[in-house]
Protein backbone atom coordinates (compact mmCIF):
# COMPACT_ATOMS: atom_id res chain seq x y z
CA UNK A 1 0.00 0.00 0.00
CA UNK A 2 1.42 3.39 -0.94
CA UNK A 3 0.95 5.77 1.94
CA UNK A 4 -0.43 9.04 0.76
CA UNK A 5 -0.40 12.33 2.57
CA UNK A 6 -3.11 14.82 1.77
CA UNK A 7 -3.20 18.43 2.72
CA UNK A 8 -4.78 21.70 1.83
CA UNK A 9 -2.77 24.87 1.36
CA UNK A 10 -4.54 26.48 4.34
CA UNK A 11 -3.69 23.66 6.77
CA UNK A 12 -0.14 22.64 7.70
CA UNK A 13 0.87 19.05 6.99
CA UNK A 14 0.55 16.98 10.14
CA UNK A 15 1.24 13.52 8.83
CA UNK A 16 -2.40 12.54 9.31
CA UNK A 17 -4.37 11.49 6.23
CA UNK A 18 -7.25 13.74 5.19
CA UNK A 19 -9.34 14.03 2.05
CA UNK A 20 -8.40 17.17 0.14
CA UNK A 21 -7.35 18.10 -3.35
CA UNK A 22 -3.54 17.90 -2.93
CA UNK A 23 -1.91 14.45 -2.66
CA UNK A 24 1.76 13.88 -1.97
CA UNK A 25 3.65 10.58 -1.66
CA UNK A 26 5.11 10.34 1.84
CA UNK A 27 8.43 8.97 0.61
CA UNK A 28 9.21 12.57 -0.21
CA UNK A 29 7.89 14.02 3.07
CA UNK A 30 7.33 11.65 5.99
CA UNK A 31 5.60 13.05 9.06
CA UNK A 32 8.50 12.39 11.47
CA UNK A 33 11.39 14.81 11.12
CA UNK A 34 15.04 14.37 12.01
CA UNK A 35 16.38 16.73 14.67
CA UNK A 36 17.85 19.25 12.27
CA UNK A 37 18.63 22.94 12.53
CA UNK A 38 15.76 25.14 11.38
CA UNK A 39 16.29 26.79 8.04
CA UNK A 40 19.16 24.54 6.99
CA UNK A 41 18.92 22.35 3.89
CA UNK A 42 22.49 21.33 3.12
CA UNK A 43 24.32 18.75 5.23
CA UNK A 44 27.71 17.10 5.04
CA UNK A 45 28.03 13.35 5.22
CA UNK A 46 29.28 13.63 8.83
CA UNK A 47 26.18 15.63 9.78
CA UNK A 48 23.95 13.00 8.15
CA UNK A 49 25.82 10.30 10.06
CA UNK A 50 25.01 12.18 13.28
CA UNK A 51 21.33 12.64 12.36
CA UNK A 52 20.69 9.09 11.17
CA UNK A 53 23.10 6.83 13.00
CA UNK A 54 24.14 5.34 9.66
CA UNK A 55 27.81 5.12 8.77
CA UNK A 56 29.39 7.15 5.98
CA UNK A 57 30.18 3.84 4.29
CA UNK A 58 26.49 2.86 4.36
CA UNK A 59 25.43 6.23 2.95
CA UNK A 60 27.89 5.92 0.08
CA UNK A 61 26.75 2.31 -0.51
CA UNK A 62 23.08 3.39 -0.64
CA UNK A 63 23.99 5.89 -3.34
CA UNK A 64 26.10 3.36 -5.25
CA UNK A 65 23.35 0.68 -5.37
CA UNK A 66 20.63 3.16 -6.34
CA UNK A 67 18.78 3.23 -3.04
CA UNK A 68 19.34 6.98 -2.97
CA UNK A 69 19.11 9.51 -5.76
CA UNK A 70 22.28 11.21 -6.89
CA UNK A 71 23.54 13.34 -4.03
CA UNK A 72 24.60 16.86 -4.95
CA UNK A 73 28.23 17.81 -4.47
CA UNK A 74 29.88 21.00 -3.31
CA UNK A 75 32.43 22.76 -5.52
CA UNK A 76 35.10 20.69 -3.71
CA UNK A 77 33.31 17.42 -4.42
CA UNK A 78 31.87 16.83 -0.93
CA UNK A 79 28.41 15.31 -0.77
CA UNK A 80 25.68 17.77 0.23
CA UNK A 81 22.51 16.10 1.51
CA UNK A 82 19.17 17.90 1.65
CA UNK A 83 16.21 17.62 4.01
CA UNK A 84 14.50 15.58 1.31
CA UNK A 85 17.46 13.15 1.35
CA UNK A 86 17.14 12.86 5.13
CA UNK A 87 13.40 12.24 4.78
CA UNK A 88 14.15 9.48 2.29
CA UNK A 89 16.70 7.94 4.66
CA UNK A 90 14.04 7.96 7.38
CA UNK A 91 11.72 5.97 5.09
CA UNK A 92 14.54 3.58 4.16
CA UNK A 93 15.14 3.02 7.87
CA UNK A 94 11.48 2.12 8.33
CA UNK A 95 11.63 -0.27 5.36
CA UNK A 96 14.74 -1.89 6.86
CA UNK A 97 12.84 -2.42 10.12
CA UNK A 98 10.13 -4.27 8.20
CA UNK A 99 12.72 -6.75 7.01
CA UNK A 100 12.25 -5.71 3.38
CA UNK A 101 15.14 -7.09 1.31
CA UNK A 102 17.58 -4.49 -0.01
CA UNK A 103 16.74 -5.50 -3.59
CA UNK A 104 13.08 -4.65 -2.94
CA UNK A 105 14.05 -1.32 -1.39
CA UNK A 106 16.15 -0.51 -4.45
CA UNK A 107 13.24 -1.52 -6.69
CA UNK A 108 10.92 0.74 -4.68
CA UNK A 109 13.40 3.63 -5.07
CA UNK A 110 13.52 3.05 -8.83
CA UNK A 111 9.72 3.06 -8.99
CA UNK A 112 9.57 6.34 -7.05
CA UNK A 113 12.02 7.90 -9.50
CA UNK A 114 9.90 6.68 -12.44
CA UNK A 115 6.97 8.77 -11.22
CA UNK A 116 3.22 8.57 -10.74
CA UNK A 117 2.68 5.80 -13.28
CA UNK A 118 4.23 3.31 -10.83
CA UNK A 119 1.77 3.80 -7.95
CA UNK A 120 0.18 0.37 -8.50
CA UNK A 121 3.51 -1.46 -8.48
CA UNK A 122 4.65 0.47 -5.41
CA UNK A 123 1.41 -0.33 -3.62
CA UNK A 124 1.78 -4.04 -4.41
CA UNK A 125 5.36 -4.06 -3.12
CA UNK A 126 4.36 -2.32 0.11
CA UNK A 127 1.30 -4.55 0.57
CA UNK A 128 3.51 -7.63 0.27
CA UNK A 129 5.89 -6.19 2.86
CA UNK A 130 2.93 -5.35 5.10
CA UNK A 131 1.74 -8.98 4.96
CA UNK A 132 5.23 -10.14 5.93
CA UNK A 133 5.28 -7.67 8.86
CA UNK A 134 1.88 -8.86 10.08
CA UNK A 135 3.10 -12.47 9.97
CA UNK A 136 6.18 -11.52 12.00
CA UNK A 137 4.04 -9.58 14.49
CA UNK A 138 1.83 -12.65 14.97
CA UNK A 139 4.89 -14.85 15.50
CA UNK A 140 6.31 -12.37 18.02
CA UNK A 141 2.97 -12.20 19.87
CA UNK A 142 2.98 -16.01 20.16
CA UNK A 143 6.57 -15.88 21.42
CA UNK A 144 5.65 -13.15 23.90
CA UNK A 145 2.79 -15.29 25.23
CA UNK A 146 5.23 -18.19 25.82
CA UNK A 147 7.62 -15.85 27.65
CA UNK A 148 4.77 -14.46 29.78
CA UNK A 149 3.70 -17.99 30.76
CA UNK A 150 7.26 -18.94 31.69
CA UNK A 151 7.77 -15.73 33.67
CA UNK A 152 4.51 -16.31 35.50
CA UNK A 153 5.47 -19.93 36.23
CA UNK A 154 8.82 -18.92 37.70
CA UNK A 155 7.29 -16.05 39.66
CA UNK A 156 4.67 -18.42 41.14
CA UNK A 157 7.27 -21.12 41.82
CA UNK A 158 9.60 -18.64 43.48
CA UNK A 159 6.75 -17.29 45.62
CA UNK A 160 5.75 -20.80 46.69
CA UNK A 161 9.32 -21.63 47.72
CA UNK A 162 9.57 -18.41 49.69
CA UNK A 163 6.30 -19.19 51.49
CA UNK A 164 7.60 -22.68 52.45
CA UNK A 165 10.83 -21.18 53.88
CA UNK A 166 9.01 -18.73 56.12
CA UNK A 167 6.77 -21.39 57.72
């Protein structure tokens, strides 16, 4: 499912869906922002490392494999990331947390670059990932229930032993 953000010019974007005339794909503007200085839109690779927790090697690799658009360079050749790049990295981080394979993330990035005609393919890719996440959540809930039972058993057993010692 492609997540869409809708807004009207009179209302600031809050990250909450609403039905209005303007639609914008959230991969370009996710609701959660990185802690960045106000008014700044050019960042060095070391600043991006500090904002994202990614390594410089990872950032360069993302660019090399096509997970990120071409990053602008300063007159001295240093990479200059924008707020939009940081927003994209935030989305990539979320996709990584879903367990989406890197090849699928790269495919998604290619589809985004191809434009509006790829909405259906993007939606299908995200729906597939969503199904995988729901399966993992169910497995983790089952695992959590087993842990809760074991913890309860040991808490009860420990309490019973303590009661026997104080008699």
